């Protein structure tokens, strides 16, 4: 992890791409209800807010370990959201 700015960019890009994927799915499946897809978008936004708050937390003792934990959480949550997109029908 290079720095705080790069971590914020990664969070923005990953969750932004996930939201974009949901929008693409909605466009391709216009005749289907979108309650599930809206829930995925809402979850991505909540995840974004949570991770950015953690990045901006100045009380962390070991910054390197703190940022690594945030990066791992981003990867895990990103995979979980992608699996939910893949399960949309």
Protein backbone atom coordinates (compact mmCIF):
# COMPACT_ATOMS: atom_id res chain seq x y z
CA UNK A 1 0.00 0.00 0.00
CA UNK A 2 1.60 3.20 -1.18
CA UNK A 3 -0.42 5.80 0.70
CA UNK A 4 -3.78 7.03 1.90
CA UNK A 5 -4.61 8.74 -1.38
CA UNK A 6 -4.07 5.53 -3.38
CA UNK A 7 -6.24 3.56 -0.96
CA UNK A 8 -9.05 6.10 -1.34
CA UNK A 9 -8.76 5.84 -5.13
CA UNK A 10 -8.90 2.04 -4.95
CA UNK A 11 -12.03 2.17 -2.81
CA UNK A 12 -13.64 4.61 -5.22
CA UNK A 13 -12.73 2.63 -8.34
CA UNK A 14 -13.72 -0.80 -7.00
CA UNK A 15 -17.07 0.22 -5.59
CA UNK A 16 -17.76 2.54 -8.53
CA UNK A 17 -17.17 -0.34 -10.94
CA UNK A 18 -19.50 -2.55 -8.93
CA UNK A 19 -22.26 0.06 -9.06
CA UNK A 20 -21.67 0.49 -12.78
CA UNK A 21 -21.98 -3.28 -13.27
CA UNK A 22 -25.35 -3.21 -11.51
CA UNK A 23 -26.53 -0.40 -13.80
CA UNK A 24 -25.42 -2.38 -16.86
CA UNK A 25 -27.35 -5.40 -15.56
CA UNK A 26 -30.43 -3.23 -15.03
CA UNK A 27 -30.22 -1.91 -18.60
CA UNK A 28 -29.83 -5.40 -20.02
CA UNK A 29 -32.74 -6.72 -17.93
CA UNK A 30 -35.20 -3.85 -18.10
CA UNK A 31 -38.27 -6.07 -17.77
CA UNK A 32 -37.21 -7.46 -14.39
CA UNK A 33 -37.73 -5.87 -10.96
CA UNK A 34 -34.71 -4.11 -9.54
CA UNK A 35 -35.23 -4.37 -5.78
CA UNK A 36 -32.29 -6.74 -5.50
CA UNK A 37 -30.05 -4.61 -7.68
CA UNK A 38 -31.00 -1.48 -5.73
CA UNK A 39 -30.04 -3.30 -2.53
CA UNK A 40 -26.61 -4.08 -4.00
CA UNK A 41 -26.08 -0.42 -4.92
CA UNK A 42 -27.14 0.67 -1.43
CA UNK A 43 -24.77 -1.85 0.12
CA UNK A 44 -21.90 -0.60 -2.07
CA UNK A 45 -22.57 2.99 -0.99
CA UNK A 46 -22.65 2.02 2.70
CA UNK A 47 -19.41 0.08 2.23
CA UNK A 48 -17.82 3.10 0.55
CA UNK A 49 -18.81 5.39 3.41
CA UNK A 50 -17.58 2.91 6.02
CA UNK A 51 -14.20 2.34 4.36
CA UNK A 52 -13.54 6.04 3.73
CA UNK A 53 -14.34 6.75 7.40
CA UNK A 54 -11.82 4.09 8.41
CA UNK A 55 -9.18 5.52 6.08
CA UNK A 56 -9.64 8.98 7.57
CA UNK A 57 -9.38 7.67 11.16
CA UNK A 58 -6.27 9.32 12.59
CA UNK A 59 -6.27 7.37 15.84
CA UNK A 60 -4.74 4.23 14.33
CA UNK A 61 -1.47 3.27 16.02
CA UNK A 62 0.09 1.25 13.20
CA UNK A 63 -0.90 2.99 9.94
CA UNK A 64 0.54 0.29 7.69
CA UNK A 65 -1.42 -2.50 9.40
CA UNK A 66 -4.53 -0.31 9.54
CA UNK A 67 -4.45 0.41 5.80
CA UNK A 68 -3.68 -3.21 4.99
CA UNK A 69 -6.74 -4.30 6.99
CA UNK A 70 -8.89 -1.76 5.11
CA UNK A 71 -7.53 -3.03 1.77
CA UNK A 72 -8.35 -6.62 2.76
CA UNK A 73 -11.85 -5.58 3.82
CA UNK A 74 -12.31 -3.83 0.45
CA UNK A 75 -11.28 -6.99 -1.42
CA UNK A 76 -13.59 -9.20 0.64
CA UNK A 77 -16.58 -6.88 0.35
CA UNK A 78 -15.92 -6.36 -3.36
CA UNK A 79 -15.95 -10.10 -3.99
CA UNK A 80 -19.15 -10.46 -1.96
CA UNK A 81 -20.91 -7.74 -3.96
CA UNK A 82 -19.72 -9.20 -7.28
CA UNK A 83 -21.12 -12.59 -6.27
CA UNK A 84 -24.46 -10.91 -5.54
CA UNK A 85 -24.43 -9.30 -8.98
CA UNK A 86 -23.71 -12.65 -10.59
CA UNK A 87 -26.69 -14.17 -8.77
CA UNK A 88 -29.16 -11.57 -10.07
CA UNK A 89 -31.81 -13.10 -12.29
